[in-house]
Amino acid sequence: MKGGFGGMLSLRILDSAGNDASPPGAAALAFAGRLQVFKRATSLGGVESLVEHRKSIEGPSSPIPDDLLRFSIGIEDVDDLISDLDQAALTLN
């Protein structure tokens, strides 16, 4: 991010309608697993773009929704980040 700073955002990746066979949060985990530029990690303040499935970190008693992903945006080219999100989203049902 030229001359600026990164940001954070959260997205909820909902499971396919009517897909009761999948465990809660399966679509979010699959989406995160398909990302290539974003790396799965828990960290703040670095220069790399990261994605985190917080529920996996905190465990089943956490109030965090199963389908929530947290993103930390780093210094990679914005078009690369958008393309990475797009390609991961295209595989969702």
PDB file of N, CA and C in Angstrom:
ATOM      1  N   MET A   1       0.855  -1.164   0.000  1.00  0.00           N
ATOM      2  CA  MET A   1       0.000   0.000   0.000  1.00  0.00           C
ATOM      3  C   MET A   1       0.902   1.227   0.000  1.00  0.00           C
ATOM      4  N   LYS A   2       1.077   1.736  -1.147  1.00  0.00           N
ATOM      5  CA  LYS A   2       2.017   2.808  -1.407  1.00  0.00           C
ATOM      6  C   LYS A   2       1.804   4.018  -0.491  1.00  0.00           C
ATOM      7  N   GLY A   3       2.809   4.310   0.317  1.00  0.00           N
ATOM      8  CA  GLY A   3       2.778   5.496   1.153  1.00  0.00           C
ATOM      9  C   GLY A   3       1.722   5.475   2.246  1.00  0.00           C
ATOM     10  N   GLY A   4       1.149   4.332   2.526  1.00  0.00           N
ATOM     11  CA  GLY A   4       0.075   4.282   3.516  1.00  0.00           C
ATOM     12  C   GLY A   4       0.284   3.181   4.526  1.00  0.00           C
ATOM     13  N   PHE A   5      -0.794   2.606   4.933  1.00  0.00           N
ATOM     14  CA  PHE A   5      -0.751   1.568   5.947  1.00  0.00           C
ATOM     15  C   PHE A   5      -1.792   0.524   5.613  1.00  0.00           C
ATOM     16  N   GLY A   6      -1.686  -0.625   6.231  1.00  0.00           N
ATOM     17  CA  GLY A   6      -2.623  -1.707   5.983  1.00  0.00           C
ATOM     18  C   GLY A   6      -3.871  -1.555   6.826  1.00  0.00           C
ATOM     19  N   GLY A   7      -4.781  -2.428   6.601  1.00  0.00           N
ATOM     20  CA  GLY A   7      -6.023  -2.394   7.355  1.00  0.00           C
ATOM     21  C   GLY A   7      -6.449  -3.792   7.720  1.00  0.00           C
ATOM     22  N   MET A   8      -7.504  -3.870   8.487  1.00  0.00           N
ATOM     23  CA  MET A   8      -8.075  -5.157   8.869  1.00  0.00           C
ATOM     24  C   MET A   8      -9.546  -5.154   8.524  1.00  0.00           C
ATOM     25  N   LEU A   9     -10.037  -6.332   8.172  1.00  0.00           N
ATOM     26  CA  LEU A   9     -11.464  -6.480   7.945  1.00  0.00           C
ATOM     27  C   LEU A   9     -11.858  -7.915   8.241  1.00  0.00           C
ATOM     28  N   SER A  10     -13.114  -8.106   8.459  1.00  0.00           N
ATOM     29  CA  SER A  10     -13.663  -9.438   8.704  1.00  0.00           C
ATOM     30  C   SER A  10     -14.758  -9.708   7.687  1.00  0.00           C
ATOM     31  N   LEU A  11     -14.802 -10.948   7.233  1.00  0.00           N
ATOM     32  CA  LEU A  11     -15.845 -11.397   6.318  1.00  0.00           C
ATOM     33  C   LEU A  11     -16.451 -12.678   6.859  1.00  0.00           C
ATOM     34  N   ARG A  12     -17.736 -12.840   6.629  1.00  0.00           N
ATOM     35  CA  ARG A  12     -18.390 -14.096   6.965  1.00  0.00           C
ATOM     36  C   ARG A  12     -18.652 -14.839   5.668  1.00  0.00           C
ATOM     37  N   ILE A  13     -18.123 -16.044   5.577  1.00  0.00           N
ATOM     38  CA  ILE A  13     -18.247 -16.882   4.387  1.00  0.00           C
ATOM     39  C   ILE A  13     -19.302 -17.939   4.692  1.00  0.00           C
ATOM     40  N   LEU A  14     -20.501 -17.703   4.212  1.00  0.00           N
ATOM     41  CA  LEU A  14     -21.617 -18.586   4.538  1.00  0.00           C
ATOM     42  C   LEU A  14     -21.544 -19.884   3.744  1.00  0.00           C
ATOM     43  N   ASP A  15     -21.905 -20.979   4.392  1.00  0.00           N
ATOM     44  CA  ASP A  15     -21.978 -22.274   3.720  1.00  0.00           C
ATOM     45  C   ASP A  15     -23.109 -22.254   2.704  1.00  0.00           C
ATOM     46  N   SER A  16     -23.004 -23.110   1.707  1.00  0.00           N
ATOM     47  CA  SER A  16     -24.032 -23.210   0.664  1.00  0.00           C
ATOM     48  C   SER A  16     -25.398 -23.467   1.280  1.00  0.00           C
ATOM     49  N   ALA A  17     -26.402 -22.838   0.712  1.00  0.00           N
ATOM     50  CA  ALA A  17     -27.771 -23.044   1.190  1.00  0.00           C
ATOM     51  C   ALA A  17     -28.154 -24.502   1.039  1.00  0.00           C
ATOM     52  N   GLY A  18     -28.687 -25.061   2.090  1.00  0.00           N
ATOM     53  CA  GLY A  18     -29.157 -26.440   2.047  1.00  0.00           C
ATOM     54  C   GLY A  18     -28.073 -27.485   2.199  1.00  0.00           C
ATOM     55  N   ASN A  19     -26.839 -27.067   2.469  1.00  0.00           N
ATOM     56  CA  ASN A  19     -25.754 -28.026   2.624  1.00  0.00           C
ATOM     57  C   ASN A  19     -25.556 -28.325   4.106  1.00  0.00           C
ATOM     58  N   ASP A  20     -26.466 -29.113   4.668  1.00  0.00           N
ATOM     59  CA  ASP A  20     -26.419 -29.430   6.093  1.00  0.00           C
ATOM     60  C   ASP A  20     -25.367 -30.473   6.429  1.00  0.00           C
ATOM     61  N   ALA A  21     -24.776 -31.115   5.414  1.00  0.00           N
ATOM     62  CA  ALA A  21     -23.791 -32.167   5.663  1.00  0.00           C
ATOM     63  C   ALA A  21     -22.440 -31.582   6.072  1.00  0.00           C
ATOM     64  N   SER A  22     -22.171 -30.345   5.730  1.00  0.00           N
ATOM     65  CA  SER A  22     -20.886 -29.733   6.062  1.00  0.00           C
ATOM     66  C   SER A  22     -20.883 -29.257   7.511  1.00  0.00           C
ATOM     67  N   PRO A  23     -19.742 -29.397   8.185  1.00  0.00           N
ATOM     68  CA  PRO A  23     -19.662 -28.854   9.551  1.00  0.00           C
ATOM     69  C   PRO A  23     -19.706 -27.327   9.513  1.00  0.00           C
ATOM     70  N   PRO A  24     -20.127 -26.695  10.594  1.00  0.00           N
ATOM     71  CA  PRO A  24     -20.166 -25.230  10.629  1.00  0.00           C
ATOM     72  C   PRO A  24     -18.795 -24.639  10.308  1.00  0.00           C
ATOM     73  N   GLY A  25     -18.776 -23.631   9.464  1.00  0.00           N
ATOM     74  CA  GLY A  25     -17.531 -22.965   9.117  1.00  0.00           C
ATOM     75  C   GLY A  25     -16.725 -23.641   8.023  1.00  0.00           C
ATOM     76  N   ALA A  26     -17.237 -24.720   7.448  1.00  0.00           N
ATOM     77  CA  ALA A  26     -16.488 -25.456   6.425  1.00  0.00           C
ATOM     78  C   ALA A  26     -16.175 -24.592   5.212  1.00  0.00           C
ATOM     79  N   ALA A  27     -17.120 -23.779   4.777  1.00  0.00           N
ATOM     80  CA  ALA A  27     -16.890 -22.916   3.611  1.00  0.00           C
ATOM     81  C   ALA A  27     -15.813 -21.873   3.914  1.00  0.00           C
ATOM     82  N   ALA A  28     -15.823 -21.325   5.120  1.00  0.00           N
ATOM     83  CA  ALA A  28     -14.806 -20.334   5.494  1.00  0.00           C
ATOM     84  C   ALA A  28     -13.417 -20.966   5.498  1.00  0.00           C
ATOM     85  N   LEU A  29     -13.302 -22.148   6.055  1.00  0.00           N
ATOM     86  CA  LEU A  29     -12.011 -22.838   6.080  1.00  0.00           C
ATOM     87  C   LEU A  29     -11.545 -23.201   4.670  1.00  0.00           C
ATOM     88  N   ALA A  30     -12.468 -23.639   3.831  1.00  0.00           N
ATOM     89  CA  ALA A  30     -12.122 -23.976   2.449  1.00  0.00           C
ATOM     90  C   ALA A  30     -11.684 -22.727   1.689  1.00  0.00           C
ATOM     91  N   PHE A  31     -12.402 -21.621   1.885  1.00  0.00           N
ATOM     92  CA  PHE A  31     -12.048 -20.356   1.236  1.00  0.00           C
ATOM     93  C   PHE A  31     -10.637 -19.938   1.638  1.00  0.00           C
ATOM     94  N   ALA A  32     -10.344 -19.958   2.939  1.00  0.00           N
ATOM     95  CA  ALA A  32      -9.017 -19.576   3.426  1.00  0.00           C
ATOM     96  C   ALA A  32      -7.941 -20.494   2.852  1.00  0.00           C
ATOM     97  N   GLY A  33      -8.263 -21.772   2.716  1.00  0.00           N
ATOM     98  CA  GLY A  33      -7.312 -22.728   2.182  1.00  0.00           C
ATOM     99  C   GLY A  33      -7.001 -22.530   0.710  1.00  0.00           C
ATOM    100  N   ARG A  34      -7.885 -21.885  -0.028  1.00  0.00           N
ATOM    101  CA  ARG A  34      -7.689 -21.642  -1.459  1.00  0.00           C
ATOM    102  C   ARG A  34      -6.880 -20.368  -1.743  1.00  0.00           C
ATOM    103  N   LEU A  35      -6.734 -19.533  -0.735  1.00  0.00           N
ATOM    104  CA  LEU A  35      -5.994 -18.284  -0.944  1.00  0.00           C
ATOM    105  C   LEU A  35      -4.517 -18.583  -1.182  1.00  0.00           C
ATOM    106  N   GLN A  36      -3.908 -17.825  -2.084  1.00  0.00           N
ATOM    107  CA  GLN A  36      -2.507 -18.041  -2.429  1.00  0.00           C
ATOM    108  C   GLN A  36      -1.614 -16.868  -2.033  1.00  0.00           C
ATOM    109  N   VAL A  37      -2.130 -15.653  -2.097  1.00  0.00           N
ATOM    110  CA  VAL A  37      -1.344 -14.481  -1.707  1.00  0.00           C
ATOM    111  C   VAL A  37      -1.470 -14.262  -0.203  1.00  0.00           C
ATOM    112  N   PHE A  38      -2.694 -14.325   0.297  1.00  0.00           N
ATOM    113  CA  PHE A  38      -2.912 -14.232   1.739  1.00  0.00           C
ATOM    114  C   PHE A  38      -2.373 -15.498   2.388  1.00  0.00           C
ATOM    115  N   LYS A  39      -1.662 -15.360   3.483  1.00  0.00           N
ATOM    116  CA  LYS A  39      -1.131 -16.505   4.222  1.00  0.00           C
ATOM    117  C   LYS A  39      -1.957 -16.709   5.485  1.00  0.00           C
ATOM    118  N   ARG A  40      -2.199 -17.979   5.833  1.00  0.00           N
ATOM    119  CA  ARG A  40      -2.943 -18.275   7.063  1.00  0.00           C
ATOM    120  C   ARG A  40      -2.002 -18.138   8.249  1.00  0.00           C
ATOM    121  N   ALA A  41      -2.302 -17.181   9.105  1.00  0.00           N
ATOM    122  CA  ALA A  41      -1.472 -16.928  10.277  1.00  0.00           C
ATOM    123  C   ALA A  41      -2.204 -16.006  11.229  1.00  0.00           C
ATOM    124  N   THR A  42      -1.754 -15.999  12.470  1.00  0.00           N
ATOM    125  CA  THR A  42      -2.257 -15.072  13.474  1.00  0.00           C
ATOM    126  C   THR A  42      -1.143 -14.092  13.779  1.00  0.00           C
ATOM    127  N   SER A  43      -1.323 -12.862  13.363  1.00  0.00           N
ATOM    128  CA  SER A  43      -0.307 -11.841  13.574  1.00  0.00           C
ATOM    129  C   SER A  43      -0.920 -10.482  13.271  1.00  0.00           C
ATOM    130  N   LEU A  44      -0.384  -9.485  13.872  1.00  0.00           N
ATOM    131  CA  LEU A  44      -0.789  -8.112  13.586  1.00  0.00           C
ATOM    132  C   LEU A  44       0.457  -7.266  13.436  1.00  0.00           C
ATOM    133  N   GLY A  45       0.404  -6.284  12.573  1.00  0.00           N
ATOM    134  CA  GLY A  45       1.491  -5.334  12.465  1.00  0.00           C
ATOM    135  C   GLY A  45       2.587  -5.716  11.487  1.00  0.00           C
ATOM    136  N   GLY A  46       2.449  -6.848  10.800  1.00  0.00           N
ATOM    137  CA  GLY A  46       3.451  -7.233   9.812  1.00  0.00           C
ATOM    138  C   GLY A  46       3.159  -6.585   8.474  1.00  0.00           C
ATOM    139  N   VAL A  47       3.998  -6.890   7.484  1.00  0.00           N
ATOM    140  CA  VAL A  47       3.823  -6.300   6.165  1.00  0.00           C
ATOM    141  C   VAL A  47       3.134  -7.246   5.186  1.00  0.00           C
ATOM    142  N   GLU A  48       2.935  -8.505   5.576  1.00  0.00           N
ATOM    143  CA  GLU A  48       2.306  -9.464   4.683  1.00  0.00           C
ATOM    144  C   GLU A  48       0.800  -9.536   4.934  1.00  0.00           C
ATOM    145  N   SER A  49       0.071  -9.888   3.894  1.00  0.00           N
ATOM    146  CA  SER A  49      -1.381 -10.040   4.011  1.00  0.00           C
ATOM    147  C   SER A  49      -1.690 -11.410   4.598  1.00  0.00           C
ATOM    148  N   LEU A  50      -2.563 -11.416   5.600  1.00  0.00           N
ATOM    149  CA  LEU A  50      -2.865 -12.640   6.337  1.00  0.00           C
ATOM    150  C   LEU A  50      -4.359 -12.868   6.416  1.00  0.00           C
ATOM    151  N   VAL A  51      -4.721 -14.130   6.601  1.00  0.00           N
ATOM    152  CA  VAL A  51      -6.102 -14.500   6.877  1.00  0.00           C
ATOM    153  C   VAL A  51      -6.090 -15.424   8.089  1.00  0.00           C
ATOM    154  N   GLU A  52      -7.104 -15.270   8.934  1.00  0.00           N
ATOM    155  CA  GLU A  52      -7.191 -16.070  10.150  1.00  0.00           C
ATOM    156  C   GLU A  52      -8.626 -16.535  10.362  1.00  0.00           C
ATOM    157  N   HIS A  53      -8.780 -17.802  10.677  1.00  0.00           N
ATOM    158  CA  HIS A  53     -10.073 -18.354  11.090  1.00  0.00           C
ATOM    159  C   HIS A  53     -10.017 -18.415  12.614  1.00  0.00           C
ATOM    160  N   ARG A  54     -10.504 -17.365  13.239  1.00  0.00           N
ATOM    161  CA  ARG A  54     -10.343 -17.176  14.687  1.00  0.00           C
ATOM    162  C   ARG A  54     -10.971 -18.303  15.498  1.00  0.00           C
ATOM    163  N   LYS A  55     -12.096 -18.833  15.042  1.00  0.00           N
ATOM    164  CA  LYS A  55     -12.775 -19.903  15.777  1.00  0.00           C
ATOM    165  C   LYS A  55     -11.848 -21.105  15.960  1.00  0.00           C
ATOM    166  N   SER A  56     -11.015 -21.390  14.943  1.00  0.00           N
ATOM    167  CA  SER A  56     -10.061 -22.499  15.043  1.00  0.00           C
ATOM    168  C   SER A  56      -9.024 -22.244  16.134  1.00  0.00           C
ATOM    169  N   ILE A  57      -8.689 -20.990  16.334  1.00  0.00           N
ATOM    170  CA  ILE A  57      -7.686 -20.615  17.332  1.00  0.00           C
ATOM    171  C   ILE A  57      -8.280 -20.674  18.738  1.00  0.00           C
ATOM    172  N   GLU A  58      -9.490 -20.135  18.899  1.00  0.00           N
ATOM    173  CA  GLU A  58     -10.092 -20.006  20.227  1.00  0.00           C
ATOM    174  C   GLU A  58     -10.809 -21.256  20.707  1.00  0.00           C
ATOM    175  N   GLY A  59     -11.253 -22.097  19.785  1.00  0.00           N
ATOM    176  CA  GLY A  59     -11.907 -23.340  20.178  1.00  0.00           C
ATOM    177  C   GLY A  59     -13.418 -23.249  20.187  1.00  0.00           C
ATOM    178  N   PRO A  60     -14.064 -24.389  20.457  1.00  0.00           N
ATOM    179  CA  PRO A  60     -15.524 -24.484  20.330  1.00  0.00           C
ATOM    180  C   PRO A  60     -16.322 -23.625  21.302  1.00  0.00           C
ATOM    181  N   SER A  61     -15.749 -23.233  22.416  1.00  0.00           N
ATOM    182  CA  SER A  61     -16.503 -22.419  23.371  1.00  0.00           C
ATOM    183  C   SER A  61     -16.457 -20.924  23.042  1.00  0.00           C
ATOM    184  N   SER A  62     -15.722 -20.558  21.998  1.00  0.00           N
ATOM    185  CA  SER A  62     -15.594 -19.160  21.608  1.00  0.00           C
ATOM    186  C   SER A  62     -16.917 -18.621  21.048  1.00  0.00           C
ATOM    187  N   PRO A  63     -17.233 -17.354  21.342  1.00  0.00           N
ATOM    188  CA  PRO A  63     -18.432 -16.745  20.761  1.00  0.00           C
ATOM    189  C   PRO A  63     -18.232 -16.289  19.306  1.00  0.00           C
ATOM    190  N   ILE A  64     -17.018 -16.432  18.773  1.00  0.00           N
ATOM    191  CA  ILE A  64     -16.735 -16.033  17.389  1.00  0.00           C
ATOM    192  C   ILE A  64     -17.539 -16.922  16.441  1.00  0.00           C
ATOM    193  N   PRO A  65     -18.205 -16.359  15.444  1.00  0.00           N
ATOM    194  CA  PRO A  65     -18.955 -17.182  14.484  1.00  0.00           C
ATOM    195  C   PRO A  65     -18.040 -18.151  13.726  1.00  0.00           C
ATOM    196  N   ASP A  66     -18.545 -19.339  13.444  1.00  0.00           N
ATOM    197  CA  ASP A  66     -17.782 -20.355  12.709  1.00  0.00           C
ATOM    198  C   ASP A  66     -17.385 -19.899  11.320  1.00  0.00           C
ATOM    199  N   ASP A  67     -18.179 -19.034  10.717  1.00  0.00           N
ATOM    200  CA  ASP A  67     -17.961 -18.645   9.321  1.00  0.00           C
ATOM    201  C   ASP A  67     -17.164 -17.347   9.155  1.00  0.00           C
ATOM    202  N   LEU A  68     -16.570 -16.839  10.242  1.00  0.00           N
ATOM    203  CA  LEU A  68     -15.870 -15.560  10.204  1.00  0.00           C
ATOM    204  C   LEU A  68     -14.388 -15.734   9.875  1.00  0.00           C
ATOM    205  N   LEU A  69     -13.905 -14.957   8.905  1.00  0.00           N
ATOM    206  CA  LEU A  69     -12.486 -14.869   8.592  1.00  0.00           C
ATOM    207  C   LEU A  69     -12.029 -13.442   8.850  1.00  0.00           C
ATOM    208  N   ARG A  70     -10.850 -13.312   9.449  1.00  0.00           N
ATOM    209  CA  ARG A  70     -10.265 -11.987   9.674  1.00  0.00           C
ATOM    210  C   ARG A  70      -9.074 -11.815   8.732  1.00  0.00           C
ATOM    211  N   PHE A  71      -9.016 -10.668   8.094  1.00  0.00           N
ATOM    212  CA  PHE A  71      -7.967 -10.371   7.131  1.00  0.00           C
ATOM    213  C   PHE A  71      -7.142  -9.191   7.612  1.00  0.00           C
ATOM    214  N   SER A  72      -5.836  -9.322   7.486  1.00  0.00           N
ATOM    215  CA  SER A  72      -4.911  -8.227   7.716  1.00  0.00           C
ATOM    216  C   SER A  72      -4.273  -7.931   6.363  1.00  0.00           C
ATOM    217  N   ILE A  73      -4.400  -6.699   5.901  1.00  0.00           N
ATOM    218  CA  ILE A  73      -3.942  -6.329   4.569  1.00  0.00           C
ATOM    219  C   ILE A  73      -2.528  -5.773   4.651  1.00  0.00           C
ATOM    220  N   GLY A  74      -1.648  -6.367   3.853  1.00  0.00           N
ATOM    221  CA  GLY A  74      -0.240  -5.985   3.871  1.00  0.00           C
ATOM    222  C   GLY A  74       0.133  -5.079   2.710  1.00  0.00           C
ATOM    223  N   ILE A  75       1.382  -5.201   2.273  1.00  0.00           N
ATOM    224  CA  ILE A  75       1.922  -4.287   1.270  1.00  0.00           C
ATOM    225  C   ILE A  75       1.918  -4.863  -0.150  1.00  0.00           C
ATOM    226  N   GLU A  76       1.342  -6.030  -0.328  1.00  0.00           N
ATOM    227  CA  GLU A  76       1.277  -6.601  -1.671  1.00  0.00           C
ATOM    228  C   GLU A  76       0.448  -5.696  -2.592  1.00  0.00           C
ATOM    229  N   ASP A  77       0.621  -5.895  -3.884  1.00  0.00           N
ATOM    230  CA  ASP A  77      -0.139  -5.127  -4.863  1.00  0.00           C
ATOM    231  C   ASP A  77      -1.635  -5.386  -4.677  1.00  0.00           C
ATOM    232  N   VAL A  78      -2.413  -4.325  -4.672  1.00  0.00           N
ATOM    233  CA  VAL A  78      -3.852  -4.444  -4.420  1.00  0.00           C
ATOM    234  C   VAL A  78      -4.529  -5.331  -5.463  1.00  0.00           C
ATOM    235  N   ASP A  79      -4.089  -5.261  -6.709  1.00  0.00           N
ATOM    236  CA  ASP A  79      -4.693  -6.096  -7.749  1.00  0.00           C
ATOM    237  C   ASP A  79      -4.420  -7.579  -7.497  1.00  0.00           C
ATOM    238  N   ASP A  80      -3.244  -7.898  -6.960  1.00  0.00           N
ATOM    239  CA  ASP A  80      -2.931  -9.290  -6.610  1.00  0.00           C
ATOM    240  C   ASP A  80      -3.834  -9.783  -5.478  1.00  0.00           C
ATOM    241  N   LEU A  81      -4.083  -8.921  -4.508  1.00  0.00           N
ATOM    242  CA  LEU A  81      -4.943  -9.299  -3.381  1.00  0.00           C
ATOM    243  C   LEU A  81      -6.381  -9.519  -3.847  1.00  0.00           C
ATOM    244  N   ILE A  82      -6.870  -8.621  -4.674  1.00  0.00           N
ATOM    245  CA  ILE A  82      -8.240  -8.746  -5.190  1.00  0.00           C
ATOM    246  C   ILE A  82      -8.370 -10.007  -6.035  1.00  0.00           C
ATOM    247  N   SER A  83      -7.392 -10.260  -6.894  1.00  0.00           N
ATOM    248  CA  SER A  83      -7.418 -11.475  -7.720  1.00  0.00           C
ATOM    249  C   SER A  83      -7.410 -12.729  -6.863  1.00  0.00           C
ATOM    250  N   ASP A  84      -6.657 -12.709  -5.774  1.00  0.00           N
ATOM    251  CA  ASP A  84      -6.603 -13.862  -4.877  1.00  0.00           C
ATOM    252  C   ASP A  84      -7.970 -14.111  -4.235  1.00  0.00           C
ATOM    253  N   LEU A  85      -8.611 -13.054  -3.775  1.00  0.00           N
ATOM    254  CA  LEU A  85      -9.952 -13.194  -3.191  1.00  0.00           C
ATOM    255  C   LEU A  85     -10.952 -13.682  -4.237  1.00  0.00           C
ATOM    256  N   ASP A  86     -10.859 -13.137  -5.443  1.00  0.00           N
ATOM    257  CA  ASP A  86     -11.758 -13.544  -6.521  1.00  0.00           C
ATOM    258  C   ASP A  86     -11.626 -15.024  -6.836  1.00  0.00           C
ATOM    259  N   GLN A  87     -10.388 -15.508  -7.000  1.00  0.00           N
ATOM    260  CA  GLN A  87     -10.215 -16.903  -7.372  1.00  0.00           C
ATOM    261  C   GLN A  87     -10.694 -17.846  -6.272  1.00  0.00           C
ATOM    262  N   ALA A  88     -10.537 -17.451  -5.020  1.00  0.00           N
ATOM    263  CA  ALA A  88     -11.030 -18.273  -3.906  1.00  0.00           C
ATOM    264  C   ALA A  88     -12.560 -18.269  -3.883  1.00  0.00           C
ATOM    265  N   ALA A  89     -13.161 -17.116  -4.178  1.00  0.00           N
ATOM    266  CA  ALA A  89     -14.623 -17.001  -4.155  1.00  0.00           C
ATOM    267  C   ALA A  89     -15.274 -17.780  -5.287  1.00  0.00           C
ATOM    268  N   LEU A  90     -14.602 -17.881  -6.419  1.00  0.00           N
ATOM    269  CA  LEU A  90     -15.183 -18.578  -7.568  1.00  0.00           C
ATOM    270  C   LEU A  90     -15.421 -20.062  -7.292  1.00  0.00           C
ATOM    271  N   THR A  91     -14.708 -20.606  -6.332  1.00  0.00           N
ATOM    272  CA  THR A  91     -14.855 -22.027  -6.036  1.00  0.00           C
ATOM    273  C   THR A  91     -15.930 -22.325  -4.994  1.00  0.00           C
ATOM    274  N   LEU A  92     -16.516 -21.256  -4.430  1.00  0.00           N
ATOM    275  CA  LEU A  92     -17.609 -21.456  -3.468  1.00  0.00           C
ATOM    276  C   LEU A  92     -18.872 -21.860  -4.219  1.00  0.00           C
ATOM    277  N   ASN A  93     -19.671 -22.697  -3.617  1.00  0.00           N
ATOM    278  CA  ASN A  93     -20.948 -23.102  -4.241  1.00  0.00           C
ATOM    279  C   ASN A  93     -22.031 -22.107  -3.907  1.00  0.00           C
TER     280      ASN A  93
END
